[in-house]
């Protein structure tokens, strides 16, 4: 199989390009794409457990710990005991974390538009549909 036809290589290269664009833009906010992903998860539903956030991002629970530590260090979120199960933790947004939702969503939309600028509207929809199909198989 030629290198150009290997789906793993193609997806890896596409992911590297997208990640680099997001890393560069997020550096101004002292944030990584993974931290943005965790915040997005909490914007969708605040008070999730670390394991729920890890599942949302498709990361190991050991990986999410460092991400949550850095969000806490930047006063974007905090961990608290779950009142329904005192052995469990919940991650909640701080006010600063909540205030970043609108600007980060606008930045994400801007970057998505820039990355897909050469695609037609039909191609954009096809790409999203096919990626979702691949993910959900």
N, C-alpha and C. Protein backbone atom coordinates (compact mmCIF):
# COMPACT_ATOMS: atom_id res chain seq x y z
N UNK A 1 0.85 -1.18 0.00
CA UNK A 1 0.00 0.00 0.00
C UNK A 1 0.90 1.24 0.00
N UNK A 2 0.54 2.20 -0.81
CA UNK A 2 1.34 3.42 -0.87
C UNK A 2 1.10 4.26 0.38
N UNK A 3 2.08 5.05 0.67
CA UNK A 3 2.00 5.92 1.84
C UNK A 3 0.79 6.84 1.76
N UNK A 4 0.45 7.30 0.57
CA UNK A 4 -0.68 8.22 0.40
C UNK A 4 -2.03 7.56 0.65
N UNK A 5 -2.06 6.21 0.66
CA UNK A 5 -3.31 5.51 0.84
C UNK A 5 -3.49 4.93 2.26
N UNK A 6 -2.49 5.06 3.09
CA UNK A 6 -2.57 4.52 4.44
C UNK A 6 -3.40 5.45 5.32
N UNK A 7 -4.57 5.00 5.73
CA UNK A 7 -5.50 5.84 6.49
C UNK A 7 -4.88 6.31 7.81
N UNK A 8 -4.09 5.45 8.44
CA UNK A 8 -3.45 5.83 9.69
C UNK A 8 -2.51 7.02 9.48
N UNK A 9 -1.71 6.96 8.45
CA UNK A 9 -0.77 8.05 8.16
C UNK A 9 -1.52 9.33 7.79
N UNK A 10 -2.52 9.19 6.95
CA UNK A 10 -3.29 10.37 6.54
C UNK A 10 -3.98 11.04 7.72
N UNK A 11 -4.62 10.24 8.57
CA UNK A 11 -5.30 10.81 9.73
C UNK A 11 -4.30 11.40 10.72
N UNK A 12 -3.15 10.75 10.88
CA UNK A 12 -2.12 11.28 11.78
C UNK A 12 -1.59 12.62 11.30
N UNK A 13 -1.33 12.72 10.01
CA UNK A 13 -0.83 13.98 9.45
C UNK A 13 -1.89 15.08 9.55
N UNK A 14 -3.14 14.75 9.29
CA UNK A 14 -4.22 15.73 9.42
C UNK A 14 -4.35 16.17 10.87
N UNK A 15 -4.28 15.22 11.81
CA UNK A 15 -4.36 15.55 13.22
C UNK A 15 -3.20 16.45 13.65
N UNK A 16 -2.00 16.16 13.16
CA UNK A 16 -0.84 17.00 13.49
C UNK A 16 -1.03 18.42 13.01
N UNK A 17 -1.56 18.57 11.81
CA UNK A 17 -1.78 19.92 11.26
C UNK A 17 -2.80 20.68 12.10
N UNK A 18 -3.93 20.04 12.38
CA UNK A 18 -4.98 20.68 13.17
C UNK A 18 -4.47 21.00 14.57
N UNK A 19 -3.79 20.05 15.19
CA UNK A 19 -3.26 20.26 16.55
C UNK A 19 -2.28 21.42 16.58
N UNK A 20 -1.42 21.52 15.59
CA UNK A 20 -0.43 22.60 15.56
C UNK A 20 -1.11 23.96 15.45
N UNK A 21 -2.12 24.06 14.61
CA UNK A 21 -2.85 25.32 14.48
C UNK A 21 -3.50 25.69 15.81
N UNK A 22 -4.15 24.73 16.46
CA UNK A 22 -4.80 25.01 17.74
C UNK A 22 -3.77 25.32 18.82
N UNK A 23 -2.65 24.57 18.86
CA UNK A 23 -1.60 24.83 19.87
C UNK A 23 -1.07 26.25 19.75
N UNK A 24 -0.82 26.66 18.53
CA UNK A 24 -0.27 28.00 18.29
C UNK A 24 -1.24 29.07 18.78
N UNK A 25 -2.50 28.94 18.43
CA UNK A 25 -3.49 29.95 18.82
C UNK A 25 -3.80 29.91 20.32
N UNK A 26 -3.82 28.73 20.90
CA UNK A 26 -4.14 28.60 22.32
C UNK A 26 -2.99 29.00 23.23
N UNK A 27 -1.77 29.04 22.69
CA UNK A 27 -0.61 29.42 23.50
C UNK A 27 -0.79 30.81 24.10
N UNK A 28 -1.45 31.69 23.38
CA UNK A 28 -1.73 33.05 23.88
C UNK A 28 -2.54 33.00 25.18
N UNK A 29 -3.34 31.96 25.33
CA UNK A 29 -4.18 31.80 26.53
C UNK A 29 -3.55 30.85 27.54
N UNK A 30 -2.31 30.44 27.28
CA UNK A 30 -1.59 29.47 28.12
C UNK A 30 -2.43 28.20 28.30
N UNK A 31 -2.94 27.71 27.18
CA UNK A 31 -3.82 26.55 27.19
C UNK A 31 -3.41 25.60 26.07
N UNK A 32 -3.66 24.31 26.27
CA UNK A 32 -3.40 23.30 25.25
C UNK A 32 -4.73 22.82 24.67
N UNK A 33 -4.68 22.17 23.50
CA UNK A 33 -5.92 21.61 22.96
C UNK A 33 -6.60 20.63 23.92
N UNK A 34 -5.81 19.84 24.66
CA UNK A 34 -6.41 18.90 25.62
C UNK A 34 -7.12 19.64 26.74
N UNK A 35 -6.54 20.73 27.20
CA UNK A 35 -7.19 21.52 28.25
C UNK A 35 -8.48 22.16 27.72
N UNK A 36 -8.44 22.63 26.48
CA UNK A 36 -9.65 23.17 25.85
C UNK A 36 -10.71 22.08 25.75
N UNK A 37 -10.30 20.87 25.41
CA UNK A 37 -11.25 19.76 25.34
C UNK A 37 -11.91 19.49 26.68
N UNK A 38 -11.11 19.53 27.75
CA UNK A 38 -11.67 19.31 29.10
C UNK A 38 -12.64 20.43 29.46
N UNK A 39 -12.27 21.66 29.14
CA UNK A 39 -13.18 22.77 29.41
C UNK A 39 -14.47 22.62 28.60
N UNK A 40 -14.34 22.21 27.34
CA UNK A 40 -15.54 22.02 26.50
C UNK A 40 -16.47 20.99 27.11
N UNK A 41 -15.88 19.94 27.64
CA UNK A 41 -16.67 18.89 28.31
C UNK A 41 -17.43 19.48 29.49
N UNK A 42 -16.76 20.33 30.26
CA UNK A 42 -17.41 20.94 31.43
C UNK A 42 -18.40 22.02 31.03
N UNK A 43 -18.16 22.73 29.92
CA UNK A 43 -19.14 23.70 29.45
C UNK A 43 -20.42 22.99 29.04
N UNK A 44 -20.26 21.80 28.49
CA UNK A 44 -21.43 21.01 28.10
C UNK A 44 -22.21 20.55 29.33
N UNK A 45 -21.48 20.10 30.36
CA UNK A 45 -22.12 19.65 31.60
C UNK A 45 -21.11 19.79 32.74
N UNK A 46 -21.29 20.80 33.54
CA UNK A 46 -20.39 21.06 34.66
C UNK A 46 -20.57 19.99 35.74
N UNK A 47 -19.50 19.73 36.46
CA UNK A 47 -19.59 18.79 37.58
C UNK A 47 -19.40 17.34 37.18
N UNK A 48 -18.70 17.08 36.10
CA UNK A 48 -18.42 15.70 35.70
C UNK A 48 -17.26 15.15 36.50
N UNK A 49 -17.17 13.84 36.55
CA UNK A 49 -16.06 13.18 37.23
C UNK A 49 -14.84 13.18 36.30
N UNK A 50 -13.64 13.05 36.86
CA UNK A 50 -12.46 12.94 36.00
C UNK A 50 -12.57 11.79 34.99
N UNK A 51 -13.13 10.67 35.39
CA UNK A 51 -13.26 9.55 34.44
C UNK A 51 -14.26 9.87 33.33
N UNK A 52 -15.29 10.63 33.61
CA UNK A 52 -16.23 11.04 32.57
C UNK A 52 -15.55 11.99 31.57
N UNK A 53 -14.72 12.88 32.09
CA UNK A 53 -13.99 13.80 31.21
C UNK A 53 -13.00 13.02 30.35
N UNK A 54 -12.31 12.06 30.96
CA UNK A 54 -11.36 11.22 30.21
C UNK A 54 -12.08 10.46 29.10
N UNK A 55 -13.25 9.91 29.39
CA UNK A 55 -14.02 9.19 28.38
C UNK A 55 -14.47 10.13 27.26
N UNK A 56 -14.91 11.31 27.62
CA UNK A 56 -15.35 12.31 26.65
C UNK A 56 -14.22 12.63 25.66
N UNK A 57 -12.99 12.73 26.19
CA UNK A 57 -11.83 13.08 25.37
C UNK A 57 -11.11 11.86 24.80
N UNK A 58 -11.59 10.68 25.16
CA UNK A 58 -10.95 9.43 24.73
C UNK A 58 -9.50 9.36 25.21
N UNK A 59 -9.29 9.70 26.48
CA UNK A 59 -7.98 9.68 27.11
C UNK A 59 -7.98 8.72 28.29
N UNK A 60 -6.81 8.25 28.67
CA UNK A 60 -6.69 7.45 29.88
C UNK A 60 -6.96 8.34 31.09
N UNK A 61 -7.50 7.73 32.14
CA UNK A 61 -7.76 8.51 33.35
C UNK A 61 -6.47 9.06 33.96
N UNK A 62 -5.35 8.35 33.78
CA UNK A 62 -4.08 8.85 34.30
C UNK A 62 -3.64 10.12 33.55
N UNK A 63 -3.98 10.22 32.28
CA UNK A 63 -3.62 11.40 31.49
C UNK A 63 -4.44 12.60 31.90
N UNK A 64 -5.70 12.38 32.24
CA UNK A 64 -6.59 13.50 32.55
C UNK A 64 -6.17 14.21 33.84
N UNK A 65 -5.51 13.50 34.73
CA UNK A 65 -5.10 14.09 36.01
C UNK A 65 -4.22 15.32 35.79
N UNK A 66 -3.22 15.20 34.94
CA UNK A 66 -2.33 16.33 34.65
C UNK A 66 -3.06 17.49 34.01
N UNK A 67 -3.98 17.17 33.10
CA UNK A 67 -4.77 18.21 32.44
C UNK A 67 -5.60 18.97 33.46
N UNK A 68 -6.26 18.23 34.36
CA UNK A 68 -7.08 18.86 35.39
C UNK A 68 -6.23 19.63 36.39
N UNK A 69 -5.03 19.13 36.68
CA UNK A 69 -4.12 19.86 37.57
C UNK A 69 -3.80 21.23 36.99
N UNK A 70 -3.49 21.27 35.69
CA UNK A 70 -3.14 22.54 35.06
C UNK A 70 -4.35 23.49 34.97
N UNK A 71 -5.53 22.94 34.74
CA UNK A 71 -6.72 23.80 34.75
C UNK A 71 -6.93 24.39 36.13
N UNK A 72 -6.69 23.59 37.16
CA UNK A 72 -6.80 24.09 38.53
C UNK A 72 -5.74 25.13 38.84
N UNK A 73 -4.51 24.90 38.37
CA UNK A 73 -3.42 25.85 38.59
C UNK A 73 -3.73 27.21 37.96
N UNK A 74 -4.46 27.19 36.84
CA UNK A 74 -4.84 28.44 36.15
C UNK A 74 -6.19 28.97 36.64
N UNK A 75 -6.70 28.38 37.69
CA UNK A 75 -7.98 28.79 38.31
C UNK A 75 -9.13 28.78 37.31
N UNK A 76 -9.14 27.73 36.48
CA UNK A 76 -10.23 27.54 35.52
C UNK A 76 -11.24 26.51 36.02
N UNK A 77 -10.78 25.60 36.88
CA UNK A 77 -11.67 24.58 37.44
C UNK A 77 -11.14 24.17 38.81
N UNK A 78 -11.97 23.42 39.51
CA UNK A 78 -11.56 22.88 40.81
C UNK A 78 -12.23 21.52 41.00
N UNK A 79 -11.62 20.73 41.87
CA UNK A 79 -12.19 19.42 42.20
C UNK A 79 -12.86 19.52 43.55
N UNK A 80 -13.97 18.81 43.66
CA UNK A 80 -14.70 18.78 44.93
C UNK A 80 -15.28 17.38 45.12
N UNK A 81 -15.60 17.05 46.35
CA UNK A 81 -16.23 15.76 46.61
C UNK A 81 -17.64 15.77 46.05
N UNK A 82 -18.04 14.65 45.50
CA UNK A 82 -19.39 14.49 44.98
C UNK A 82 -20.33 14.28 46.17
N UNK A 83 -21.31 15.17 46.37
CA UNK A 83 -22.19 15.03 47.54
C UNK A 83 -22.99 13.73 47.55
N UNK A 84 -23.20 13.13 46.38
CA UNK A 84 -23.96 11.88 46.33
C UNK A 84 -23.07 10.66 46.59
N UNK A 85 -21.75 10.84 46.52
CA UNK A 85 -20.81 9.75 46.77
C UNK A 85 -19.50 10.38 47.23
N UNK A 86 -19.32 10.46 48.53
CA UNK A 86 -18.18 11.19 49.09
C UNK A 86 -16.82 10.57 48.75
N UNK A 87 -16.83 9.39 48.15
CA UNK A 87 -15.56 8.78 47.69
C UNK A 87 -15.20 9.27 46.30
N UNK A 88 -16.12 9.90 45.62
CA UNK A 88 -15.92 10.32 44.23
C UNK A 88 -15.67 11.82 44.15
N UNK A 89 -14.96 12.22 43.10
CA UNK A 89 -14.68 13.63 42.84
C UNK A 89 -15.52 14.13 41.67
N UNK A 90 -15.81 15.41 41.73
CA UNK A 90 -16.43 16.12 40.61
C UNK A 90 -15.48 17.25 40.23
N UNK A 91 -15.48 17.60 38.96
CA UNK A 91 -14.70 18.73 38.49
C UNK A 91 -15.70 19.82 38.10
N UNK A 92 -15.50 20.99 38.67
CA UNK A 92 -16.41 22.11 38.43
C UNK A 92 -15.64 23.30 37.88
N UNK A 93 -16.31 24.10 37.09
CA UNK A 93 -15.70 25.29 36.51
C UNK A 93 -15.63 26.41 37.54
N UNK A 94 -14.50 27.11 37.57
CA UNK A 94 -14.39 28.37 38.30
C UNK A 94 -15.01 29.45 37.42
N UNK A 95 -15.19 30.64 37.99
CA UNK A 95 -15.75 31.74 37.21
C UNK A 95 -14.89 32.05 35.98
N UNK A 96 -13.57 32.00 36.16
CA UNK A 96 -12.67 32.26 35.04
C UNK A 96 -12.88 31.22 33.93
N UNK A 97 -13.05 29.95 34.31
CA UNK A 97 -13.30 28.90 33.33
C UNK A 97 -14.61 29.11 32.60
N UNK A 98 -15.62 29.54 33.34
CA UNK A 98 -16.92 29.82 32.71
C UNK A 98 -16.82 30.99 31.75
N UNK A 99 -16.05 32.02 32.13
CA UNK A 99 -15.95 33.22 31.30
C UNK A 99 -15.23 32.98 29.98
N UNK A 100 -14.46 31.90 29.90
CA UNK A 100 -13.73 31.61 28.66
C UNK A 100 -14.57 30.89 27.62
N UNK A 101 -15.76 30.45 27.98
CA UNK A 101 -16.55 29.65 27.04
C UNK A 101 -16.80 30.39 25.72
N UNK A 102 -17.33 31.57 25.78
CA UNK A 102 -17.66 32.29 24.55
C UNK A 102 -16.42 32.61 23.73
N UNK A 103 -15.36 33.19 24.30
CA UNK A 103 -14.19 33.47 23.45
C UNK A 103 -13.52 32.21 22.90
N UNK A 104 -13.50 31.12 23.66
CA UNK A 104 -12.88 29.89 23.17
C UNK A 104 -13.73 29.24 22.08
N UNK A 105 -15.04 29.30 22.21
CA UNK A 105 -15.90 28.75 21.16
C UNK A 105 -15.77 29.57 19.89
N UNK A 106 -15.64 30.89 20.04
CA UNK A 106 -15.45 31.74 18.86
C UNK A 106 -14.10 31.45 18.21
N UNK A 107 -13.05 31.26 19.02
CA UNK A 107 -11.73 30.94 18.49
C UNK A 107 -11.77 29.59 17.77
N UNK A 108 -12.40 28.59 18.37
CA UNK A 108 -12.50 27.27 17.75
C UNK A 108 -13.23 27.35 16.42
N UNK A 109 -14.31 28.11 16.37
CA UNK A 109 -15.05 28.26 15.12
C UNK A 109 -14.19 28.94 14.06
N UNK A 110 -13.45 29.97 14.46
CA UNK A 110 -12.55 30.68 13.54
C UNK A 110 -11.49 29.73 12.99
N UNK A 111 -10.87 28.94 13.88
CA UNK A 111 -9.82 28.02 13.43
C UNK A 111 -10.38 26.91 12.55
N UNK A 112 -11.55 26.39 12.90
CA UNK A 112 -12.20 25.39 12.05
C UNK A 112 -12.45 25.96 10.65
N UNK A 113 -12.95 27.19 10.60
CA UNK A 113 -13.22 27.82 9.31
C UNK A 113 -11.94 28.01 8.50
N UNK A 114 -10.85 28.42 9.18
CA UNK A 114 -9.57 28.60 8.49
C UNK A 114 -9.05 27.26 7.96
N UNK A 115 -9.12 26.23 8.80
CA UNK A 115 -8.60 24.92 8.39
C UNK A 115 -9.39 24.32 7.23
N UNK A 116 -10.67 24.63 7.17
CA UNK A 116 -11.53 24.05 6.13
C UNK A 116 -11.86 25.04 5.02
N UNK A 117 -11.12 26.13 4.95
CA UNK A 117 -11.42 27.20 3.98
C UNK A 117 -11.40 26.71 2.53
N UNK A 118 -10.56 25.75 2.22
CA UNK A 118 -10.46 25.29 0.83
C UNK A 118 -11.52 24.23 0.49
N UNK A 119 -12.35 23.86 1.45
CA UNK A 119 -13.39 22.86 1.23
C UNK A 119 -14.70 23.54 0.83
N UNK A 120 -15.44 22.89 -0.03
CA UNK A 120 -16.79 23.37 -0.34
C UNK A 120 -17.70 23.01 0.85
N UNK A 121 -18.86 23.65 0.94
CA UNK A 121 -19.78 23.27 2.02
C UNK A 121 -20.12 21.78 2.01
N UNK A 122 -20.32 21.21 0.84
CA UNK A 122 -20.61 19.77 0.75
C UNK A 122 -19.44 18.93 1.23
N UNK A 123 -18.22 19.33 0.87
CA UNK A 123 -17.03 18.60 1.32
C UNK A 123 -16.88 18.66 2.84
N UNK A 124 -17.17 19.81 3.42
CA UNK A 124 -17.09 19.95 4.89
C UNK A 124 -18.06 18.98 5.55
N UNK A 125 -19.28 18.94 5.07
CA UNK A 125 -20.28 18.05 5.65
C UNK A 125 -19.90 16.58 5.44
N UNK A 126 -19.39 16.27 4.26
CA UNK A 126 -18.97 14.90 3.98
C UNK A 126 -17.83 14.49 4.90
N UNK A 127 -16.85 15.37 5.07
CA UNK A 127 -15.72 15.08 5.95
C UNK A 127 -16.20 14.80 7.37
N UNK A 128 -17.04 15.67 7.89
CA UNK A 128 -17.57 15.49 9.25
C UNK A 128 -18.34 14.19 9.37
N UNK A 129 -19.20 13.93 8.39
CA UNK A 129 -20.02 12.71 8.42
C UNK A 129 -19.14 11.46 8.38
N UNK A 130 -18.14 11.46 7.53
CA UNK A 130 -17.26 10.29 7.42
C UNK A 130 -16.40 10.10 8.66
N UNK A 131 -15.90 11.19 9.23
CA UNK A 131 -15.13 11.07 10.46
C UNK A 131 -15.99 10.54 11.61
N UNK A 132 -17.20 11.03 11.71
CA UNK A 132 -18.12 10.52 12.74
C UNK A 132 -18.43 9.05 12.53
N UNK A 133 -18.60 8.67 11.29
CA UNK A 133 -18.86 7.26 10.97
C UNK A 133 -17.67 6.40 11.37
N UNK A 134 -16.47 6.85 11.09
CA UNK A 134 -15.27 6.12 11.46
C UNK A 134 -15.14 6.01 13.00
N UNK A 135 -15.40 7.11 13.67
CA UNK A 135 -15.30 7.14 15.14
C UNK A 135 -16.33 6.22 15.78
N UNK A 136 -17.53 6.21 15.26
CA UNK A 136 -18.63 5.48 15.89
C UNK A 136 -18.75 4.03 15.46
N UNK A 137 -17.88 3.55 14.57
CA UNK A 137 -17.95 2.15 14.15
C UNK A 137 -17.47 1.22 15.24
